[in-house]
Protein backbone atom coordinates (compact mmCIF):
# COMPACT_ATOMS: atom_id res chain seq x y z
CA MET A 1 -93.95 -78.34 -45.36
CA GLY A 2 -90.79 -77.85 -45.85
CA LYS A 3 -89.85 -78.46 -49.51
CA ILE A 4 -86.13 -79.48 -51.16
CA ASN A 5 -85.07 -76.51 -53.59
CA MET A 6 -81.98 -75.12 -54.75
CA ALA A 7 -82.48 -72.41 -52.51
CA ASN A 8 -84.03 -74.10 -49.80
CA LEU A 9 -80.31 -76.30 -49.87
CA LYS A 10 -78.40 -73.11 -50.26
CA LYS A 11 -80.06 -71.85 -47.27
CA THR A 12 -79.27 -74.88 -45.20
CA ALA A 13 -75.55 -74.71 -45.78
CA TYR A 14 -75.58 -70.97 -44.48
CA TYR A 15 -77.39 -71.64 -42.06
CA LEU A 16 -75.19 -74.80 -41.14
CA LYS A 17 -71.75 -72.38 -41.13
CA ARG A 18 -73.43 -69.48 -39.23
CA ASN A 19 -74.87 -72.16 -36.51
CA GLY A 20 -73.26 -74.77 -36.63
CA LEU A 21 -74.85 -78.99 -36.83
CA LYS A 22 -76.66 -79.60 -34.14
CA ARG A 23 -79.14 -76.35 -34.66
CA THR A 24 -79.07 -76.95 -38.32
CA LEU A 25 -79.85 -80.68 -37.83
CA ASP A 26 -82.64 -79.04 -35.02
CA ALA A 27 -83.88 -76.63 -38.12
CA VAL A 28 -83.75 -79.48 -40.74
CA ARG A 29 -85.81 -81.85 -38.45
CA GLU A 30 -88.77 -78.75 -38.06
CA ARG A 31 -89.02 -77.88 -41.81
CA PHE A 32 -90.09 -81.35 -42.93
CA ASP A 33 -92.46 -81.86 -39.73
CA GLY A 34 -95.38 -81.20 -41.05
CA ARG A 35 -97.34 -80.35 -37.71
CA VAL A 36 -95.51 -76.94 -37.76
CA GLN A 37 -96.28 -74.68 -40.62
CA PRO A 38 -100.26 -74.68 -41.03
CA GLU A 39 -102.32 -75.25 -45.20
CA TYR A 40 -102.81 -73.35 -46.81
CA ARG A 41 -104.59 -73.19 -50.37
CA TYR A 42 -105.36 -69.32 -52.16
CA ILE A 43 -108.51 -68.59 -52.41
CA PRO A 44 -109.26 -65.03 -54.66
CA SER A 45 -112.10 -62.73 -53.79
CA THR A 46 -115.20 -64.26 -56.43
CA GLU A 47 -116.82 -61.81 -58.88
CA GLN A 48 -119.81 -62.08 -56.75
CA GLU A 49 -118.07 -60.51 -53.58
CA LEU A 50 -116.42 -58.22 -55.37
CA ALA A 51 -119.55 -56.61 -56.50
CA GLY A 52 -120.94 -56.86 -52.97
CA GLN A 53 -117.78 -54.71 -51.96
CA ARG A 54 -118.74 -52.27 -54.16
CA GLU A 55 -122.53 -52.35 -52.95
CA LYS A 56 -121.49 -51.78 -49.62
CA ALA A 57 -119.26 -49.18 -50.12
CA VAL A 58 -121.52 -46.60 -52.07
CA GLN A 59 -124.62 -47.20 -49.47
CA GLU A 60 -122.70 -47.33 -46.28
CA GLY A 61 -121.10 -43.78 -48.12
CA PHE A 62 -117.75 -44.94 -47.37
CA THR A 63 -115.29 -41.62 -47.99
CA VAL A 64 -111.62 -43.06 -46.49
CA SER A 65 -109.21 -41.94 -49.95
CA PHE A 66 -106.23 -44.23 -50.74
CA SER A 67 -102.48 -43.22 -52.07
CA ILE A 68 -100.73 -46.57 -53.51
CA VAL A 69 -96.95 -45.30 -53.60
CA VAL A 70 -95.32 -47.76 -55.80
CA PRO A 71 -91.23 -47.62 -56.42
CA ALA A 72 -89.57 -48.62 -59.51
CA TYR A 73 -86.51 -49.37 -60.65
CA ARG A 74 -85.42 -51.09 -64.23
CA THR A 75 -88.83 -53.34 -63.18
CA PRO A 76 -89.84 -56.14 -65.94
CA GLU A 77 -92.80 -55.32 -67.51
CA LYS A 78 -94.76 -58.94 -67.05
CA TYR A 79 -94.47 -57.60 -63.24
CA LEU A 80 -95.11 -54.39 -63.23
CA ARG A 81 -98.51 -54.96 -65.43
CA GLU A 82 -99.54 -57.13 -63.35
CA MET A 83 -98.83 -54.75 -60.46
CA ILE A 84 -100.42 -52.01 -62.12
CA GLY A 85 -103.42 -54.25 -62.78
CA SER A 86 -104.33 -55.66 -59.45
CA VAL A 87 -104.70 -51.17 -58.30
CA CYS A 88 -106.91 -50.72 -60.97
CA GLY A 89 -108.71 -53.66 -60.40
CA GLN A 90 -110.01 -53.30 -56.76
CA SER A 91 -112.80 -53.28 -55.79
CA TYR A 92 -112.76 -50.22 -53.82
CA ASP A 93 -112.29 -46.78 -56.23
CA ARG A 94 -111.18 -44.50 -53.87
CA TRP A 95 -107.66 -44.42 -54.52
CA GLU A 96 -104.35 -42.87 -56.66
CA LEU A 97 -101.89 -45.26 -58.37
CA ILE A 98 -98.29 -43.02 -57.78
CA ILE A 99 -95.15 -44.58 -60.02
CA ALA A 100 -92.28 -43.23 -58.56
CA ASP A 101 -89.63 -44.32 -61.31
CA ALA A 102 -85.71 -44.12 -62.13
CA THR A 103 -85.38 -46.16 -64.60
CA GLU A 104 -82.99 -44.70 -66.94
CA GLY A 105 -84.98 -45.32 -69.57
CA ALA A 106 -88.64 -45.55 -71.22
CA GLU A 107 -90.16 -48.64 -70.96
CA VAL A 108 -91.46 -48.55 -68.03
CA GLN A 109 -92.98 -44.86 -68.09
CA SER A 110 -94.15 -46.15 -72.32
CA VAL A 111 -96.15 -48.58 -70.25
CA VAL A 112 -97.53 -46.31 -67.07
CA GLU A 113 -98.73 -43.61 -69.67
CA GLU A 114 -100.88 -46.15 -72.31
CA VAL A 115 -102.53 -47.66 -68.41
CA ARG A 116 -103.54 -43.74 -67.72
CA ARG A 117 -105.07 -43.55 -70.98
CA ARG A 118 -107.92 -45.58 -69.38
CA ASP A 119 -107.77 -44.78 -65.71
CA SER A 120 -106.58 -41.27 -64.71
CA ARG A 121 -105.84 -42.51 -61.28
CA VAL A 122 -102.74 -43.99 -61.79
CA ARG A 123 -99.99 -40.87 -61.57
CA TYR A 124 -96.52 -41.55 -62.94
CA VAL A 125 -93.19 -39.17 -61.37
CA ARG A 126 -90.17 -39.13 -63.46
CA LEU A 127 -87.12 -39.17 -60.83
CA THR A 128 -84.17 -37.42 -61.74
CA GLU A 129 -81.97 -40.04 -60.41
CA ASN A 130 -81.93 -43.64 -59.25
CA ALA A 131 -81.24 -42.21 -54.66
CA GLY A 132 -82.09 -45.70 -53.51
CA ILE A 133 -85.37 -47.21 -52.78
CA SER A 134 -86.10 -45.01 -49.32
CA GLU A 135 -85.54 -41.74 -50.87
CA ASN A 136 -87.39 -43.16 -54.84
CA THR A 137 -90.17 -43.86 -52.25
CA ASN A 138 -90.27 -40.26 -50.78
CA ALA A 139 -90.81 -38.92 -54.10
CA GLY A 140 -93.93 -40.63 -53.94
CA ILE A 141 -94.83 -40.46 -50.27
CA LEU A 142 -94.73 -36.61 -50.82
CA GLN A 143 -96.97 -36.40 -54.18
CA ALA A 144 -99.16 -38.68 -52.09
CA GLU A 145 -102.86 -36.72 -51.99
CA ASN A 146 -104.95 -38.72 -50.29
CA ARG A 147 -105.84 -39.02 -46.37
CA TYR A 148 -104.44 -42.90 -46.73
CA ILE A 149 -100.73 -43.55 -48.22
CA GLY A 150 -100.65 -47.89 -49.10
CA LEU A 151 -96.53 -48.63 -49.86
CA LEU A 152 -96.70 -51.50 -53.11
CA ASP A 153 -92.76 -53.07 -53.97
CA HIS A 154 -92.83 -52.80 -57.90
CA ASP A 155 -92.58 -56.68 -58.72
CA ASP A 156 -95.51 -58.04 -56.27
CA PHE A 157 -99.09 -57.70 -56.17
CA LEU A 158 -102.90 -56.82 -54.09
CA GLU A 159 -105.82 -58.81 -54.11
CA LYS A 160 -108.50 -57.18 -55.50
CA ASN A 161 -110.05 -56.42 -52.18
CA ALA A 162 -107.50 -55.30 -49.71
CA LEU A 163 -108.94 -51.53 -49.97
CA PHE A 164 -111.98 -52.38 -49.50
CA GLU A 165 -110.54 -53.96 -46.71
CA MET A 166 -108.71 -51.77 -45.19
CA ALA A 167 -111.28 -49.11 -45.73
CA ALA A 168 -114.25 -51.18 -43.97
CA VAL A 169 -112.02 -51.12 -41.01
CA ILE A 170 -110.85 -47.60 -41.16
CA GLU A 171 -114.52 -46.57 -41.29
CA GLN A 172 -115.75 -48.43 -38.20
CA ALA A 173 -113.31 -47.53 -36.82
CA LYS A 174 -114.08 -43.59 -36.79
CA LYS A 175 -117.58 -45.06 -35.70
CA ASP A 176 -115.92 -46.29 -32.42
CA GLY A 177 -114.18 -42.34 -32.02
CA ARG A 178 -111.26 -44.05 -33.67
CA GLN A 179 -108.48 -43.02 -36.01
CA LEU A 180 -106.54 -45.34 -37.24
CA LYS A 181 -102.99 -43.94 -38.26
CA LEU A 182 -101.79 -47.72 -39.37
CA LEU A 183 -102.27 -50.66 -40.35
CA TYR A 184 -101.36 -53.71 -41.78
CA SER A 185 -102.74 -57.20 -43.21
CA ASP A 186 -101.93 -60.56 -44.00
CA GLU A 187 -100.13 -61.43 -47.04
CA ASP A 188 -98.43 -65.03 -48.73
CA LYS A 189 -95.34 -65.18 -50.89
CA CYS A 190 -96.22 -66.65 -54.83
CA ASP A 191 -93.68 -67.75 -57.39
CA GLY A 192 -91.98 -65.68 -60.51
CA GLU A 193 -95.23 -66.41 -62.58
CA GLY A 194 -97.69 -65.06 -59.50
CA SER A 195 -99.27 -68.57 -59.93
CA VAL A 196 -98.32 -70.33 -56.96
CA PHE A 197 -99.23 -69.60 -53.88
CA TYR A 198 -97.53 -70.65 -50.33
CA GLU A 199 -96.08 -69.55 -46.70
CA PRO A 200 -98.94 -67.51 -45.58
CA ASN A 201 -98.15 -64.80 -42.61
CA PHE A 202 -100.88 -64.53 -40.40
CA LYS A 203 -100.05 -61.97 -37.92
CA GLU A 204 -100.91 -61.00 -33.92
CA ASP A 205 -102.87 -58.22 -33.38
CA PHE A 206 -100.60 -55.05 -32.73
CA ASN A 207 -97.40 -56.85 -30.94
CA LEU A 208 -94.46 -54.48 -29.88
CA ASP A 209 -92.42 -56.68 -28.47
CA LEU A 210 -92.64 -58.99 -31.56
CA LEU A 211 -92.24 -56.58 -33.61
CA LEU A 212 -89.17 -55.82 -31.80
CA THR A 213 -87.56 -59.23 -32.64
CA ASN A 214 -89.27 -58.98 -36.43
CA ASN A 215 -90.73 -56.76 -39.20
CA TYR A 216 -93.68 -59.40 -38.76
CA ILE A 217 -96.35 -56.49 -39.64
CA CYS A 218 -94.63 -56.27 -43.52
CA HIS A 219 -96.54 -56.29 -45.75
CA PHE A 220 -99.24 -54.66 -47.02
CA MET A 221 -98.69 -51.86 -44.79
CA VAL A 222 -100.69 -48.04 -44.21
CA MET A 223 -100.65 -45.51 -42.96
CA GLU A 224 -102.38 -42.21 -42.28
CA ALA A 225 -100.66 -39.38 -44.98
CA GLY A 226 -99.38 -37.06 -42.35
CA LEU A 227 -98.43 -39.49 -40.03
CA MET A 228 -96.05 -40.71 -43.16
CA GLN A 229 -95.05 -37.74 -45.05
CA GLU A 230 -93.47 -36.35 -41.18
CA LEU A 231 -91.41 -39.87 -40.99
CA LEU A 232 -91.16 -40.51 -44.70
CA LEU A 233 -88.53 -43.43 -45.06
CA ARG A 234 -85.12 -43.30 -44.25
CA GLY A 235 -81.78 -43.74 -46.67
CA ALA A 236 -79.57 -45.31 -43.90
CA TYR A 237 -81.99 -48.95 -43.28
CA ASN A 238 -82.52 -49.52 -47.06
CA GLY A 239 -83.52 -52.69 -46.78
CA ALA A 240 -85.37 -52.27 -43.74
CA GLN A 241 -86.76 -48.74 -44.64
CA ASP A 242 -90.07 -50.23 -44.17
CA PHE A 243 -88.87 -52.40 -41.10
CA ASP A 244 -87.37 -48.44 -39.29
CA LEU A 245 -90.43 -46.72 -40.36
CA ALA A 246 -92.98 -49.01 -38.51
CA LEU A 247 -90.46 -48.95 -35.56
CA ARG A 248 -91.01 -44.90 -35.99
CA ALA A 249 -94.87 -45.37 -35.59
CA ALA A 250 -94.61 -47.18 -33.60
CA ASP A 251 -92.51 -44.60 -30.76
CA ARG A 252 -94.74 -42.27 -32.27
CA LEU A 253 -98.14 -44.45 -30.91
CA PHE A 254 -96.39 -45.96 -27.78
CA GLY A 255 -99.85 -45.96 -25.34
CA ARG A 256 -101.70 -45.76 -27.93
CA GLU A 257 -102.24 -49.06 -29.37
CA ASP A 258 -105.61 -48.03 -30.33
CA CYS A 259 -104.27 -46.15 -33.28
CA ILE A 260 -102.89 -49.83 -34.97
CA ALA A 261 -105.18 -52.25 -36.95
CA HIS A 262 -104.65 -56.05 -37.88
CA VAL A 263 -106.79 -56.62 -40.90
CA PRO A 264 -106.68 -60.03 -40.65
CA LYS A 265 -106.74 -61.58 -44.23
CA ILE A 266 -104.07 -62.23 -46.98
CA LEU A 267 -104.32 -58.94 -49.10
CA TYR A 268 -100.75 -59.25 -49.74
CA HIS A 269 -99.03 -61.40 -52.14
CA TRP A 270 -94.69 -60.93 -52.27
CA ARG A 271 -93.50 -62.15 -55.91
CA CYS A 272 -90.12 -64.29 -54.71
CA HIS A 273 -87.88 -64.85 -57.64
CA THR A 274 -84.37 -65.21 -58.28
CA LEU A 275 -83.20 -61.94 -56.94
CA SER A 276 -85.76 -61.39 -54.16
CA THR A 277 -85.04 -60.97 -50.62
CA ALA A 278 -87.69 -63.86 -50.04
CA GLU A 279 -86.06 -66.96 -51.90
CA ASN A 280 -83.01 -65.39 -51.46
CA PRO A 281 -82.24 -64.45 -47.93
CA ARG A 282 -78.02 -63.94 -48.81
CA SER A 283 -78.66 -61.19 -51.11
CA LYS A 284 -79.24 -58.26 -49.51
CA LEU A 285 -77.21 -59.86 -46.14
CA TYR A 286 -76.79 -55.61 -45.32
CA ALA A 287 -80.60 -55.55 -44.73
CA TYR A 288 -80.92 -57.07 -41.78
CA GLU A 289 -78.14 -55.63 -40.24
CA ALA A 290 -80.32 -52.66 -40.72
CA GLY A 291 -82.88 -53.92 -39.46
CA ARG A 292 -80.93 -54.49 -36.08
CA ARG A 293 -79.82 -51.06 -36.79
CA ALA A 294 -83.06 -49.86 -36.48
CA VAL A 295 -84.48 -52.38 -33.69
CA GLN A 296 -81.40 -50.17 -32.13
CA ASP A 297 -82.49 -46.99 -32.46
CA PHE A 298 -86.59 -48.26 -31.34
CA LEU A 299 -84.65 -48.77 -28.45
CA ASP A 300 -82.37 -45.93 -28.01
CA ARG A 301 -85.49 -43.08 -28.90
CA ARG A 302 -87.50 -45.68 -25.36
CA SER A 303 -84.53 -44.82 -23.89
CA TRP A 304 -84.52 -48.37 -22.63
CA ARG A 305 -80.76 -50.11 -21.43
CA ALA A 306 -81.18 -53.02 -24.41
CA SER A 307 -78.98 -54.38 -27.41
CA ALA A 308 -80.37 -55.51 -30.19
CA CYS A 309 -78.76 -58.08 -31.30
CA ASP A 310 -78.89 -61.14 -34.00
CA THR A 311 -80.15 -65.04 -33.82
CA PRO A 312 -79.74 -67.99 -35.70
CA HIS A 313 -82.96 -67.01 -38.05
CA LEU A 314 -81.38 -64.47 -40.72
CA GLY A 315 -83.80 -60.72 -40.50
CA PHE A 316 -84.49 -62.23 -36.90
CA TYR A 317 -83.27 -59.94 -33.40
CA ALA A 318 -83.24 -60.46 -29.63
CA VAL A 319 -83.57 -57.57 -27.00
CA LYS A 320 -80.48 -58.11 -24.28
CA TYR A 321 -81.37 -55.73 -21.36
CA GLU A 322 -79.14 -54.66 -19.05
CA ASP A 323 -80.97 -55.63 -15.79
CA SER A 324 -84.34 -57.09 -15.88
CA PRO A 325 -87.50 -55.62 -18.52
CA LEU A 326 -89.12 -54.40 -15.07
CA LYS A 327 -86.23 -51.96 -14.14
CA ILE A 328 -85.97 -50.74 -17.34
CA ARG A 329 -89.40 -50.51 -18.37
CA LYS A 330 -92.28 -49.03 -16.64
CA ASP A 331 -94.27 -50.11 -19.44
CA LEU A 332 -94.19 -53.38 -18.28
CA GLY A 333 -96.19 -55.38 -15.27
CA ALA A 334 -94.20 -59.25 -15.33
CA VAL A 335 -91.89 -60.88 -17.66
CA GLY A 336 -92.92 -64.80 -17.87
CA GLY A 337 -91.11 -67.48 -19.51
CA ARG A 338 -91.81 -71.22 -20.64
CA LEU A 339 -92.67 -74.24 -18.84
CA VAL A 340 -91.00 -77.34 -19.58
CA HIS A 341 -91.77 -80.87 -19.75
CA LYS A 342 -89.85 -83.69 -21.48
CA GLY A 343 -88.22 -80.92 -24.82
CA LYS A 344 -91.22 -80.16 -24.48
CA THR A 345 -93.50 -77.10 -24.47
CA VAL A 346 -96.48 -77.46 -21.53
CA SER A 347 -97.24 -73.45 -21.41
CA GLY A 348 -96.25 -69.91 -20.92
CA ARG A 349 -98.08 -67.91 -23.05
CA ILE A 350 -102.07 -68.02 -22.59
CA SER A 351 -104.26 -66.48 -24.61
CA LYS A 352 -107.18 -64.42 -22.81
CA THR A 353 -109.78 -67.82 -23.42
CA GLY A 354 -107.19 -70.16 -21.56
CA ASP A 355 -105.67 -71.33 -24.71
CA ILE A 356 -101.78 -72.96 -24.27
CA PHE A 357 -99.09 -71.33 -27.22
CA TYR A 358 -96.95 -72.97 -28.40
CA GLU A 359 -98.22 -76.26 -26.44
CA GLY A 360 -96.48 -79.28 -27.43
CA LEU A 361 -93.56 -78.05 -29.04
CA PRO A 362 -90.48 -79.20 -28.60
CA VAL A 363 -87.98 -76.69 -27.69
CA SER A 364 -85.92 -76.90 -29.94
CA TYR A 365 -88.40 -76.16 -32.94
CA SER A 366 -88.57 -72.11 -33.05
CA GLY A 367 -92.00 -73.14 -34.32
CA TYR A 368 -94.23 -71.26 -37.48
CA LEU A 369 -92.31 -68.44 -38.37
CA HIS A 370 -89.70 -68.04 -35.12
CA ARG A 371 -92.09 -67.55 -33.89
CA ALA A 372 -91.73 -70.13 -30.73
CA ALA A 373 -88.03 -68.60 -30.20
CA LEU A 374 -89.05 -64.96 -30.39
CA ALA A 375 -89.54 -62.13 -27.06
CA GLN A 376 -93.25 -61.05 -27.66
CA GLY A 377 -95.74 -59.52 -25.73
CA ALA A 378 -98.90 -61.59 -23.94
CA GLU A 379 -102.21 -61.29 -22.68
CA ALA A 380 -100.86 -63.52 -20.44
CA LEU A 381 -98.58 -65.55 -18.61
CA ASP A 382 -98.36 -68.63 -16.23
CA ILE A 383 -97.71 -67.75 -12.44
CA ARG A 384 -95.12 -71.05 -12.29
CA ASN A 385 -93.10 -68.86 -14.68
CA LEU A 386 -93.09 -65.31 -13.74
CA GLU A 387 -91.73 -62.60 -12.56
CA VAL A 388 -93.32 -59.00 -10.92
CA ALA A 389 -92.72 -55.85 -11.06
CA GLN A 390 -92.08 -54.74 -7.38
CA SER A 391 -94.55 -52.04 -7.07
CA LEU A 392 -97.49 -54.85 -8.10
CA ARG A 393 -96.38 -57.53 -5.81
CA GLU A 394 -98.40 -56.41 -3.18
CA SER A 395 -101.34 -56.42 -5.88
CA PHE A 396 -100.27 -59.79 -6.48
CA GLU A 397 -100.64 -60.95 -3.18
CA ARG A 398 -103.98 -60.09 -2.89
CA LEU A 399 -105.32 -61.82 -5.34
CA THR A 400 -103.01 -65.30 -4.74
CA GLY A 401 -103.81 -65.16 -1.10
CA VAL A 402 -99.81 -65.90 -0.36
CA PRO A 403 -96.93 -63.68 0.16
CA TYR A 404 -94.24 -63.30 -2.91
CA ALA A 405 -91.61 -66.27 -2.48
CA THR A 406 -89.14 -66.42 -5.55
CA LEU A 407 -87.05 -69.63 -6.44
CA PRO A 408 -83.48 -69.12 -5.33
CA GLY A 409 -82.09 -67.48 -6.90
CA SER A 410 -84.29 -65.70 -9.10
CA GLU A 411 -86.93 -62.98 -8.46
CA ILE A 412 -89.82 -65.81 -10.63
CA PHE A 413 -92.83 -66.58 -8.02
CA ASP A 414 -92.07 -69.81 -5.90
CA ALA A 415 -95.93 -71.30 -7.53
CA SER A 416 -94.68 -74.15 -4.99
CA THR A 417 -96.37 -71.83 -1.98
CA LEU A 418 -99.88 -72.48 -3.99
CA PRO A 419 -101.82 -74.49 -3.10
CA GLU A 420 -101.83 -78.11 -4.19
CA ASN A 421 -105.34 -77.42 -5.37
CA THR A 422 -105.14 -74.24 -7.73
CA ASP A 423 -106.06 -73.55 -10.88
CA TYR A 424 -102.95 -72.52 -12.65
CA ILE A 425 -104.59 -71.32 -15.26
CA ALA A 426 -107.79 -69.98 -14.34
CA LEU A 427 -104.78 -68.15 -11.63
CA SER A 428 -102.89 -66.96 -14.12
CA LEU A 429 -106.25 -65.17 -16.10
CA ARG A 430 -107.13 -63.07 -13.00
CA VAL A 431 -103.95 -62.46 -12.40
CA CYS A 432 -102.53 -60.89 -15.62
CA GLY A 433 -105.75 -60.23 -16.42
CA GLU A 434 -105.67 -57.44 -13.79
CA LEU A 435 -102.27 -56.64 -14.33
CA ARG A 436 -103.16 -55.73 -18.10
CA ARG A 437 -106.79 -53.58 -16.54
CA GLN A 438 -103.79 -51.31 -14.58
CA GLY A 439 -102.32 -50.74 -17.44
CA PHE A 440 -99.36 -52.85 -17.33
CA LYS A 441 -97.82 -55.16 -20.11
CA LEU A 442 -96.95 -58.91 -19.96
CA LEU A 443 -93.09 -59.55 -21.92
CA TYR A 444 -92.67 -63.77 -22.71
CA LEU A 445 -89.14 -64.22 -22.93
CA PRO A 446 -88.65 -67.85 -24.21
CA GLU A 447 -85.68 -68.26 -23.03
CA ARG A 448 -86.79 -67.85 -19.55
CA ILE A 449 -87.83 -71.97 -18.39
CA VAL A 450 -88.68 -73.87 -16.18
CA GLU A 451 -89.00 -77.40 -15.67
CA ILE A 452 -92.56 -78.89 -14.25
């Protein structure tokens, strides 16, 4: 449910200036529509659960170790102590905390050294100058000695089970014969006091095309140390340095997505106060421009003829291809879009079990975290709004039993050529499943609309 406060009023005024009255009214209507946002109540781990995690790690012989890197600069003491406490209180104990401090005075150093006297796993790195968020963080990354590195902002904090959950997924992957290179968890926001938790970000498993529209990976991101120390953060993308890092890692791991894992638990709390980007998006407009450039850099690295463009929503992007994506990207087998009836979405992206994403959502709504309005990879696409790559149309015809006829003026399959009693969802799952088995990705573009 939306809430009326000064921050939201400022956001609305800026949205009006950028996008006009109609879109603003639609956005306000959606903001106060309780159906769009999931209900959420923060429930921390109990002491019994944390004790069980400690016992399991010992019994199963977990060996993975973590370096948590924090760039500090004029960090308020309250936030600094809460951040450090969230790491020291982890149920999994194979970690080091590296605080790279660019503060001019000794305020941060004195707090860290006080803590270090009790726990030597906390390390202090004094920086000679404030070289910017990327270079400051890199100084800590290059000091890391453990197998995986996690990034933590100086005014945020972790759940006490964060490292255990990461370790458990890494250890299970090792048993399955996989070495994970990149992991990320769900997250939420909290108020400045760290007592009210809201706006959970329940994320998808790795979805490259969704990542190209926004930094949905964000927090809590953990990366294999060798990869992070090779890539590092780039100062030219300050404000979106984590996004740029995630995109470059995705580029490096392209075709090896089994090296990336989503841990579907809220392990990170993003503190929102008056100076934070989370609370005041206009405070760092440069960050959104840097994010767009990071997406463009990825497209250029892949040699995809496309441009990264802003959308009506700050920090969210669209990829505009110079031609059909199927002609530009060899990894794609099909592109699909929305089926709409009376202003509402009735089909489009389909889950592996046949559930419809965004079903019943008004077309003018962007959905939870704007995902309904964003390009994204799909498990399956509705055959009634589907364009299949030329090289795969013969396979398509074998599966459907009809020729690949197209709608006038497009390359979209004309589903009216199918028998009247066709189970469209079942057929969509069968066709798309075969494309995915052949190693092709599916791309959902919500702006491609077919009325039924």
